[in-house]
Every structure is written in C-alpha cells, then in structure tokens.
Amino acid sequence: MASEKILNEKKQVVSEITDKLKASESVIIFQYQGMSVDEISSLRKELRDVDAEVKVYKNTLLKRAADDLNINIDEFLEGPNAVLFGKTLLEPIKIVSEFAKKNDKLNIRVGVISGNVADLSVINEYASIPSREGLLTMLAGGMMQYVRDLAIGLNLYAEQKEGKE
C-alpha cells in the first residue's frame, strides 16, 4: 500500500493538472519520443513566448484529472506523452503544428479546446486559421476596397459635374 505522503503528492499533482486544464483555452497532448533535448527546449521557448507551457505527467495522473472534468482522453494516454497548456487558443496550436511538420518525431495525438476533445483534423483546422494580425490585415484590405471604390466614384462624379458647367 502506498504511503500517505505519496498519495498526498499524487493528489496535489492531479489538482495541479485539473487547474491547468480549467485555465487553458487550448491543451494538446503529443508524443515526443525520439526528440533531442535541444528540440524540446526550442519548442518550449517558442511556446513560452505566447504564454503556453509544456509539461510531462504520468498518464494515470493525467487521466484522473481529465476524468474529474469529464473529459474522455483515455485512448490517447499510452506511452510517453507531453501536454501543452495554452492560455490563448490559436498561437500555441499553430506553433506545435508547425513544429510537428518540421519534426517527424513529434506526434500530435489529441487536443482539448475550450473544454471539448478535438481530434487531429480539428487541431489542423485551427492551425490553418491566420493569426490575429493576418485577420486584421485581411479586414483592413477588404475595407480599403470600399473606400477606394467610393473615392473613384466621387472623382468621376466631380469630373462629370465640372464638364457640365
């Protein structure tokens, strides 16, 4: 039988994971087996810049925390897994997806986006959404089209009025 001290430590870890799952907009579970320390450190640094972190927990503790929140990810908790906790939705998903494209040893298994389980296809859809800056640029470009058309129309109207007088 496990000692009381060990059980309390495990309860604290499960509580920590539960809190992180609640506080995160995006959670990605991925396999990292075969990656070098430098590669993992590089990924962690990129994620830290967007207020996200990567942690490695025992699968049994991660399962308990997910079960506490009624999140079913049991089928993905085999082998060594790392968990990405992102406070924002898109940026961490984009970073880990790009990293997975460059590094074939990183294998995205499943995600939890805003409390809902998301498979790889949903994660890839989120990864393909342009960044906030890109979306704002597209919006501004679309709005500039109308302003330009208005300016051309007003200019033509002004030239037409000048020709009649």
C-alpha atoms as a PDB file:
ATOM      1  CA  MET A   1       0.000   0.000   0.000  1.00  0.00           C
ATOM      2  CA  ALA A   2       1.283   3.448  -0.902  1.00  0.00           C
ATOM      3  CA  SER A   3       2.221   5.704   1.945  1.00  0.00           C
ATOM      4  CA  GLU A   4       0.056   8.656   2.925  1.00  0.00           C
ATOM      5  CA  LYS A   5       2.787  11.079   1.840  1.00  0.00           C
ATOM      6  CA  ILE A   6       2.943   9.657  -1.695  1.00  0.00           C
ATOM      7  CA  LEU A   7      -0.852   9.675  -2.014  1.00  0.00           C
ATOM      8  CA  ASN A   8      -0.976  13.335  -0.970  1.00  0.00           C
ATOM      9  CA  GLU A   9       1.725  14.217  -3.508  1.00  0.00           C
ATOM     10  CA  LYS A  10      -0.238  12.468  -6.254  1.00  0.00           C
ATOM     11  CA  LYS A  11      -3.427  14.286  -5.220  1.00  0.00           C
ATOM     12  CA  GLN A  12      -1.574  17.597  -5.434  1.00  0.00           C
ATOM     13  CA  VAL A  13      -0.316  16.764  -8.933  1.00  0.00           C
ATOM     14  CA  VAL A  14      -3.833  15.753 -10.060  1.00  0.00           C
ATOM     15  CA  SER A  15      -5.154  19.016  -8.608  1.00  0.00           C
ATOM     16  CA  GLU A  16      -2.429  20.966 -10.455  1.00  0.00           C
ATOM     17  CA  ILE A  17      -3.301  19.265 -13.761  1.00  0.00           C
ATOM     18  CA  THR A  18      -7.025  19.904 -13.197  1.00  0.00           C
ATOM     19  CA  ASP A  19      -6.371  23.593 -12.540  1.00  0.00           C
ATOM     20  CA  LYS A  20      -4.219  23.871 -15.673  1.00  0.00           C
ATOM     21  CA  LEU A  21      -6.872  22.119 -17.771  1.00  0.00           C
ATOM     22  CA  LYS A  22      -9.530  24.538 -16.494  1.00  0.00           C
ATOM     23  CA  ALA A  23      -7.366  27.619 -17.071  1.00  0.00           C
ATOM     24  CA  SER A  24      -6.230  26.686 -20.585  1.00  0.00           C
ATOM     25  CA  GLU A  25      -8.035  27.580 -23.791  1.00  0.00           C
ATOM     26  CA  SER A  26      -6.010  25.018 -25.721  1.00  0.00           C
ATOM     27  CA  VAL A  27      -4.484  21.766 -24.499  1.00  0.00           C
ATOM     28  CA  ILE A  28      -2.565  19.492 -26.848  1.00  0.00           C
ATOM     29  CA  ILE A  29      -1.340  16.027 -25.931  1.00  0.00           C
ATOM     30  CA  PHE A  30       1.548  14.872 -28.076  1.00  0.00           C
ATOM     31  CA  GLN A  31       4.236  12.209 -28.202  1.00  0.00           C
ATOM     32  CA  TYR A  32       7.795  13.459 -28.124  1.00  0.00           C
ATOM     33  CA  GLN A  33       9.740  10.194 -28.072  1.00  0.00           C
ATOM     34  CA  GLY A  34      12.970  10.435 -30.047  1.00  0.00           C
ATOM     35  CA  MET A  35      13.260  14.220 -29.905  1.00  0.00           C
ATOM     36  CA  SER A  36      16.522  15.685 -28.684  1.00  0.00           C
ATOM     37  CA  VAL A  37      16.749  17.920 -25.627  1.00  0.00           C
ATOM     38  CA  ASP A  38      17.598  20.874 -27.891  1.00  0.00           C
ATOM     39  CA  GLU A  39      14.467  20.315 -29.986  1.00  0.00           C
ATOM     40  CA  ILE A  40      12.214  20.142 -26.925  1.00  0.00           C
ATOM     41  CA  SER A  41      13.904  23.204 -25.432  1.00  0.00           C
ATOM     42  CA  SER A  42      13.366  25.090 -28.685  1.00  0.00           C
ATOM     43  CA  LEU A  43       9.669  24.165 -28.678  1.00  0.00           C
ATOM     44  CA  ARG A  44       9.295  25.203 -25.040  1.00  0.00           C
ATOM     45  CA  LYS A  45      10.958  28.555 -25.744  1.00  0.00           C
ATOM     46  CA  GLU A  46       8.634  29.285 -28.667  1.00  0.00           C
ATOM     47  CA  LEU A  47       5.608  28.362 -26.561  1.00  0.00           C
ATOM     48  CA  ARG A  48       6.762  30.425 -23.599  1.00  0.00           C
ATOM     49  CA  ASP A  49       6.687  33.496 -25.875  1.00  0.00           C
ATOM     50  CA  VAL A  50       2.912  33.003 -26.365  1.00  0.00           C
ATOM     51  CA  ASP A  51       2.165  32.255 -22.709  1.00  0.00           C
ATOM     52  CA  ALA A  52       1.998  28.470 -23.072  1.00  0.00           C
ATOM     53  CA  GLU A  53       3.927  25.672 -21.413  1.00  0.00           C
ATOM     54  CA  VAL A  54       4.775  22.027 -21.951  1.00  0.00           C
ATOM     55  CA  LYS A  55       4.669  19.581 -19.053  1.00  0.00           C
ATOM     56  CA  VAL A  56       5.184  15.837 -18.767  1.00  0.00           C
ATOM     57  CA  TYR A  57       2.939  13.961 -16.351  1.00  0.00           C
ATOM     58  CA  LYS A  58       2.238  10.312 -15.690  1.00  0.00           C
ATOM     59  CA  ASN A  59      -0.638   9.144 -17.847  1.00  0.00           C
ATOM     60  CA  THR A  60      -2.549   7.818 -14.846  1.00  0.00           C
ATOM     61  CA  LEU A  61      -2.467  11.221 -13.129  1.00  0.00           C
ATOM     62  CA  LEU A  62      -3.467  12.975 -16.348  1.00  0.00           C
ATOM     63  CA  LYS A  63      -6.346  10.512 -16.758  1.00  0.00           C
ATOM     64  CA  ARG A  64      -7.612  11.214 -13.228  1.00  0.00           C
ATOM     65  CA  ALA A  65      -7.520  14.969 -13.799  1.00  0.00           C
ATOM     66  CA  ALA A  66      -9.351  14.606 -17.131  1.00  0.00           C
ATOM     67  CA  ASP A  67     -11.935  12.313 -15.542  1.00  0.00           C
ATOM     68  CA  ASP A  68     -12.548  14.925 -12.818  1.00  0.00           C
ATOM     69  CA  LEU A  69     -13.521  17.354 -15.602  1.00  0.00           C
ATOM     70  CA  ASN A  70     -15.487  14.751 -17.603  1.00  0.00           C
ATOM     71  CA  ILE A  71     -13.005  14.847 -20.482  1.00  0.00           C
ATOM     72  CA  ASN A  72     -12.533  11.469 -22.160  1.00  0.00           C
ATOM     73  CA  ILE A  73      -8.975  11.153 -23.492  1.00  0.00           C
ATOM     74  CA  ASP A  74      -8.277   7.631 -22.199  1.00  0.00           C
ATOM     75  CA  GLU A  75      -7.491   6.103 -25.607  1.00  0.00           C
ATOM     76  CA  PHE A  76      -4.672   8.612 -26.194  1.00  0.00           C
ATOM     77  CA  LEU A  77      -2.868   8.049 -22.894  1.00  0.00           C
ATOM     78  CA  GLU A  78      -0.425   5.347 -23.910  1.00  0.00           C
ATOM     79  CA  GLY A  79       3.320   5.719 -23.996  1.00  0.00           C
ATOM     80  CA  PRO A  80       5.273   8.849 -23.155  1.00  0.00           C
ATOM     81  CA  ASN A  81       3.152  11.952 -23.665  1.00  0.00           C
ATOM     82  CA  ALA A  82       3.727  15.638 -23.127  1.00  0.00           C
ATOM     83  CA  VAL A  83       0.949  18.138 -22.523  1.00  0.00           C
ATOM     84  CA  LEU A  84       0.844  21.659 -23.897  1.00  0.00           C
ATOM     85  CA  PHE A  85      -1.223  24.113 -21.856  1.00  0.00           C
ATOM     86  CA  GLY A  86      -2.026  27.332 -23.728  1.00  0.00           C
ATOM     87  CA  LYS A  87      -3.761  30.330 -22.217  1.00  0.00           C
ATOM     88  CA  THR A  88      -4.742  31.510 -25.708  1.00  0.00           C
ATOM     89  CA  LEU A  89      -6.460  29.469 -28.373  1.00  0.00           C
ATOM     90  CA  LEU A  90      -4.641  29.776 -31.687  1.00  0.00           C
ATOM     91  CA  GLU A  91      -0.984  30.645 -31.161  1.00  0.00           C
ATOM     92  CA  PRO A  92       0.056  27.510 -29.202  1.00  0.00           C
ATOM     93  CA  ILE A  93      -1.783  25.265 -31.669  1.00  0.00           C
ATOM     94  CA  LYS A  94      -0.067  26.969 -34.602  1.00  0.00           C
ATOM     95  CA  ILE A  95       3.381  26.655 -33.006  1.00  0.00           C
ATOM     96  CA  VAL A  96       3.084  22.965 -32.122  1.00  0.00           C
ATOM     97  CA  SER A  97       1.565  22.151 -35.538  1.00  0.00           C
ATOM     98  CA  GLU A  98       4.387  23.908 -37.385  1.00  0.00           C
ATOM     99  CA  PHE A  99       6.914  22.194 -35.145  1.00  0.00           C
ATOM    100  CA  ALA A 100       5.291  18.810 -35.896  1.00  0.00           C
ATOM    101  CA  LYS A 101       5.579  19.484 -39.644  1.00  0.00           C
ATOM    102  CA  LYS A 102       9.312  20.168 -39.294  1.00  0.00           C
ATOM    103  CA  ASN A 103       9.986  17.329 -36.852  1.00  0.00           C
ATOM    104  CA  ASP A 104       8.516  13.920 -37.637  1.00  0.00           C
ATOM    105  CA  LYS A 105       9.209  12.679 -34.099  1.00  0.00           C
ATOM    106  CA  LEU A 106       6.595  14.999 -32.612  1.00  0.00           C
ATOM    107  CA  ASN A 107       3.216  13.315 -32.989  1.00  0.00           C
ATOM    108  CA  ILE A 108       0.091  15.259 -32.016  1.00  0.00           C
ATOM    109  CA  ARG A 109      -2.424  12.829 -30.518  1.00  0.00           C
ATOM    110  CA  VAL A 110      -5.422  14.825 -29.286  1.00  0.00           C
ATOM    111  CA  GLY A 111      -6.415  18.254 -28.074  1.00  0.00           C
ATOM    112  CA  VAL A 112      -8.826  19.786 -25.621  1.00  0.00           C
ATOM    113  CA  ILE A 113     -10.046  23.087 -26.984  1.00  0.00           C
ATOM    114  CA  SER A 114     -12.183  25.198 -24.666  1.00  0.00           C
ATOM    115  CA  GLY A 115     -13.065  22.086 -22.652  1.00  0.00           C
ATOM    116  CA  ASN A 116     -14.023  19.896 -25.640  1.00  0.00           C
ATOM    117  CA  VAL A 117     -11.981  16.995 -27.015  1.00  0.00           C
ATOM    118  CA  ALA A 118     -10.644  17.764 -30.501  1.00  0.00           C
ATOM    119  CA  ASP A 119      -9.105  15.213 -32.829  1.00  0.00           C
ATOM    120  CA  LEU A 120      -6.195  15.868 -35.181  1.00  0.00           C
ATOM    121  CA  SER A 121      -8.382  17.183 -38.025  1.00  0.00           C
ATOM    122  CA  VAL A 122      -9.909  19.863 -35.772  1.00  0.00           C
ATOM    123  CA  ILE A 123      -6.459  20.834 -34.492  1.00  0.00           C
ATOM    124  CA  ASN A 124      -5.229  21.164 -38.088  1.00  0.00           C
ATOM    125  CA  GLU A 125      -8.213  23.394 -38.912  1.00  0.00           C
ATOM    126  CA  TYR A 126      -7.352  25.689 -36.009  1.00  0.00           C
ATOM    127  CA  ALA A 127      -3.700  25.694 -37.093  1.00  0.00           C
ATOM    128  CA  SER A 128      -4.695  26.863 -40.582  1.00  0.00           C
ATOM    129  CA  ILE A 129      -6.547  29.947 -39.298  1.00  0.00           C
ATOM    130  CA  PRO A 130      -4.475  33.081 -39.921  1.00  0.00           C
ATOM    131  CA  SER A 131      -3.055  34.910 -36.933  1.00  0.00           C
ATOM    132  CA  ARG A 132      -4.865  37.852 -35.382  1.00  0.00           C
ATOM    133  CA  GLU A 133      -2.611  40.259 -37.257  1.00  0.00           C
ATOM    134  CA  GLY A 134      -3.297  38.406 -40.513  1.00  0.00           C
ATOM    135  CA  LEU A 135      -7.051  38.571 -39.945  1.00  0.00           C
ATOM    136  CA  LEU A 136      -6.867  42.291 -39.149  1.00  0.00           C
ATOM    137  CA  THR A 137      -4.847  42.847 -42.326  1.00  0.00           C
ATOM    138  CA  MET A 138      -7.488  40.996 -44.366  1.00  0.00           C
ATOM    139  CA  LEU A 139     -10.238  43.071 -42.730  1.00  0.00           C
ATOM    140  CA  ALA A 140      -8.405  46.325 -43.422  1.00  0.00           C
ATOM    141  CA  GLY A 141      -7.782  45.260 -47.022  1.00  0.00           C
ATOM    142  CA  GLY A 142     -11.461  44.480 -47.503  1.00  0.00           C
ATOM    143  CA  MET A 143     -12.468  47.811 -46.024  1.00  0.00           C
ATOM    144  CA  MET A 144      -9.940  49.669 -48.194  1.00  0.00           C
ATOM    145  CA  GLN A 145     -11.665  48.228 -51.284  1.00  0.00           C
ATOM    146  CA  TYR A 146     -14.878  50.119 -50.429  1.00  0.00           C
ATOM    147  CA  VAL A 147     -13.037  53.332 -49.606  1.00  0.00           C
ATOM    148  CA  ARG A 148     -11.141  53.144 -52.902  1.00  0.00           C
ATOM    149  CA  ASP A 149     -14.361  52.485 -54.852  1.00  0.00           C
ATOM    150  CA  LEU A 150     -16.026  55.431 -53.110  1.00  0.00           C
ATOM    151  CA  ALA A 151     -13.063  57.694 -53.939  1.00  0.00           C
ATOM    152  CA  ILE A 152     -13.174  56.649 -57.608  1.00  0.00           C
ATOM    153  CA  GLY A 153     -16.938  57.199 -57.739  1.00  0.00           C
ATOM    154  CA  LEU A 154     -16.673  60.645 -56.150  1.00  0.00           C
ATOM    155  CA  ASN A 155     -13.838  61.577 -58.501  1.00  0.00           C
ATOM    156  CA  LEU A 156     -15.870  60.514 -61.548  1.00  0.00           C
ATOM    157  CA  TYR A 157     -18.878  62.431 -60.229  1.00  0.00           C
ATOM    158  CA  ALA A 158     -16.733  65.539 -59.682  1.00  0.00           C
ATOM    159  CA  GLU A 159     -15.272  65.313 -63.200  1.00  0.00           C
ATOM    160  CA  GLN A 160     -18.770  64.853 -64.630  1.00  0.00           C
ATOM    161  CA  LYS A 161     -20.022  67.955 -62.755  1.00  0.00           C
ATOM    162  CA  GLU A 162     -17.029  70.006 -63.969  1.00  0.00           C
ATOM    163  CA  GLY A 163     -17.762  69.004 -67.555  1.00  0.00           C
ATOM    164  CA  LYS A 164     -21.389  70.269 -67.383  1.00  0.00           C
ATOM    165  CA  GLU A 165     -20.520  73.700 -66.034  1.00  0.00           C
END
